[in-house]
Amino acid sequence: MKDDDIDYSDIPELDADFFATARVVVPPGKKQVTVRLDRDVLAWLKAQGRGYQTRINAILRAYYEAHASRGARSRRGQD
């Protein structure tokens, strides 16, 4: 889809009030690590195209967010 194909008519303009209360949210920084993956898993991720490391991070983040509410119980060994 090209920008020209997008219908902006139902999106309100951002006015000065929006920018007066807006705040910048900086994503958490990245840390370089070494991880060993099964060959077939890595091959599948790479076969998806460029950005396989970003995809690994997205997969891990989704898992983390889905299970974060259980984190306190897990750390105590109750899960």
C-alpha atoms as a PDB file:
ATOM      1  CA  MET A   1       0.000   0.000   0.000  1.00  0.00           C
ATOM      2  CA  LYS A   2       1.316   3.412  -0.906  1.00  0.00           C
ATOM      3  CA  ASP A   3       0.903   6.534   1.214  1.00  0.00           C
ATOM      4  CA  ASP A   4      -1.428   7.967  -1.426  1.00  0.00           C
ATOM      5  CA  ASP A   5      -3.801   5.017  -0.893  1.00  0.00           C
ATOM      6  CA  ILE A   6      -4.322   5.778   2.812  1.00  0.00           C
ATOM      7  CA  ASP A   7      -7.523   7.594   3.786  1.00  0.00           C
ATOM      8  CA  TYR A   8      -6.605  10.139   6.459  1.00  0.00           C
ATOM      9  CA  SER A   9     -10.039  11.807   6.540  1.00  0.00           C
ATOM     10  CA  ASP A  10     -11.132  10.162   9.801  1.00  0.00           C
ATOM     11  CA  ILE A  11      -7.888  10.864  11.674  1.00  0.00           C
ATOM     12  CA  PRO A  12      -7.966  14.087  13.707  1.00  0.00           C
ATOM     13  CA  GLU A  13      -5.166  16.625  13.317  1.00  0.00           C
ATOM     14  CA  LEU A  14      -2.652  16.764  16.165  1.00  0.00           C
ATOM     15  CA  ASP A  15      -2.991  20.173  17.773  1.00  0.00           C
ATOM     16  CA  ALA A  16      -0.880  22.121  20.270  1.00  0.00           C
ATOM     17  CA  ASP A  17      -2.709  20.508  23.221  1.00  0.00           C
ATOM     18  CA  PHE A  18      -1.541  17.090  22.103  1.00  0.00           C
ATOM     19  CA  PHE A  19       2.080  18.188  21.910  1.00  0.00           C
ATOM     20  CA  ALA A  20       1.838  20.056  25.232  1.00  0.00           C
ATOM     21  CA  THR A  21       1.099  16.803  27.062  1.00  0.00           C
ATOM     22  CA  ALA A  22       2.946  14.357  24.808  1.00  0.00           C
ATOM     23  CA  ARG A  23       6.001  12.585  26.151  1.00  0.00           C
ATOM     24  CA  VAL A  24       8.768  10.678  24.486  1.00  0.00           C
ATOM     25  CA  VAL A  25       8.924   6.998  25.374  1.00  0.00           C
ATOM     26  CA  VAL A  26      12.394   5.594  24.823  1.00  0.00           C
ATOM     27  CA  PRO A  27      12.459   1.844  24.222  1.00  0.00           C
ATOM     28  CA  PRO A  28      14.757  -0.170  26.449  1.00  0.00           C
ATOM     29  CA  GLY A  29      18.293  -0.534  25.168  1.00  0.00           C
ATOM     30  CA  LYS A  30      19.619  -3.701  23.619  1.00  0.00           C
ATOM     31  CA  LYS A  31      22.332  -5.910  25.071  1.00  0.00           C
ATOM     32  CA  GLN A  32      24.495  -8.072  22.870  1.00  0.00           C
ATOM     33  CA  VAL A  33      24.463 -11.742  23.887  1.00  0.00           C
ATOM     34  CA  THR A  34      25.525 -15.068  22.453  1.00  0.00           C
ATOM     35  CA  VAL A  35      22.879 -17.759  22.264  1.00  0.00           C
ATOM     36  CA  ARG A  36      22.941 -21.273  20.830  1.00  0.00           C
ATOM     37  CA  LEU A  37      19.956 -22.220  18.696  1.00  0.00           C
ATOM     38  CA  ASP A  38      19.027 -25.495  17.074  1.00  0.00           C
ATOM     39  CA  ARG A  39      20.186 -25.481  13.457  1.00  0.00           C
ATOM     40  CA  ASP A  40      16.720 -26.072  12.064  1.00  0.00           C
ATOM     41  CA  VAL A  41      15.255 -23.240  14.148  1.00  0.00           C
ATOM     42  CA  LEU A  42      17.937 -20.809  12.981  1.00  0.00           C
ATOM     43  CA  ALA A  43      17.527 -21.942   9.364  1.00  0.00           C
ATOM     44  CA  TRP A  44      13.774 -21.337   9.580  1.00  0.00           C
ATOM     45  CA  LEU A  45      14.247 -17.868  11.068  1.00  0.00           C
ATOM     46  CA  LYS A  46      16.781 -16.903   8.407  1.00  0.00           C
ATOM     47  CA  ALA A  47      14.520 -18.283   5.668  1.00  0.00           C
ATOM     48  CA  GLN A  48      11.899 -15.699   6.684  1.00  0.00           C
ATOM     49  CA  GLY A  49      14.119 -12.990   5.223  1.00  0.00           C
ATOM     50  CA  ARG A  50      16.221 -10.144   6.536  1.00  0.00           C
ATOM     51  CA  GLY A  51      15.928  -9.231  10.198  1.00  0.00           C
ATOM     52  CA  TYR A  52      16.043 -12.657  11.784  1.00  0.00           C
ATOM     53  CA  GLN A  53      17.653 -11.284  14.959  1.00  0.00           C
ATOM     54  CA  THR A  54      14.882  -8.711  15.266  1.00  0.00           C
ATOM     55  CA  ARG A  55      12.387 -11.534  14.756  1.00  0.00           C
ATOM     56  CA  ILE A  56      14.044 -13.586  17.520  1.00  0.00           C
ATOM     57  CA  ASN A  57      13.720 -10.583  19.840  1.00  0.00           C
ATOM     58  CA  ALA A  58      10.044 -10.128  18.907  1.00  0.00           C
ATOM     59  CA  ILE A  59       9.316 -13.811  19.562  1.00  0.00           C
ATOM     60  CA  LEU A  60      11.061 -13.689  22.933  1.00  0.00           C
ATOM     61  CA  ARG A  61       9.329 -10.413  23.863  1.00  0.00           C
ATOM     62  CA  ALA A  62       5.900 -11.856  23.018  1.00  0.00           C
ATOM     63  CA  TYR A  63       6.631 -14.896  25.186  1.00  0.00           C
ATOM     64  CA  TYR A  64       7.948 -12.701  27.988  1.00  0.00           C
ATOM     65  CA  GLU A  65       4.909 -10.403  27.929  1.00  0.00           C
ATOM     66  CA  ALA A  66       2.510 -13.354  27.838  1.00  0.00           C
ATOM     67  CA  HIS A  67       4.159 -14.891  30.884  1.00  0.00           C
ATOM     68  CA  ALA A  68       5.344 -11.810  32.828  1.00  0.00           C
ATOM     69  CA  SER A  69       2.317 -11.788  35.128  1.00  0.00           C
ATOM     70  CA  ARG A  70       3.298 -15.274  36.274  1.00  0.00           C
ATOM     71  CA  GLY A  71       6.903 -14.197  36.819  1.00  0.00           C
ATOM     72  CA  ALA A  72       6.684 -13.682  40.567  1.00  0.00           C
ATOM     73  CA  ARG A  73       5.213 -17.156  41.092  1.00  0.00           C
ATOM     74  CA  SER A  74       7.801 -18.735  38.782  1.00  0.00           C
ATOM     75  CA  ARG A  75      10.718 -17.197  40.637  1.00  0.00           C
ATOM     76  CA  ARG A  76       9.436 -18.706  43.858  1.00  0.00           C
ATOM     77  CA  GLY A  77       9.164 -22.132  42.237  1.00  0.00           C
ATOM     78  CA  GLN A  78       5.372 -22.286  42.526  1.00  0.00           C
ATOM     79  CA  ASP A  79       4.608 -22.499  38.819  1.00  0.00           C
END
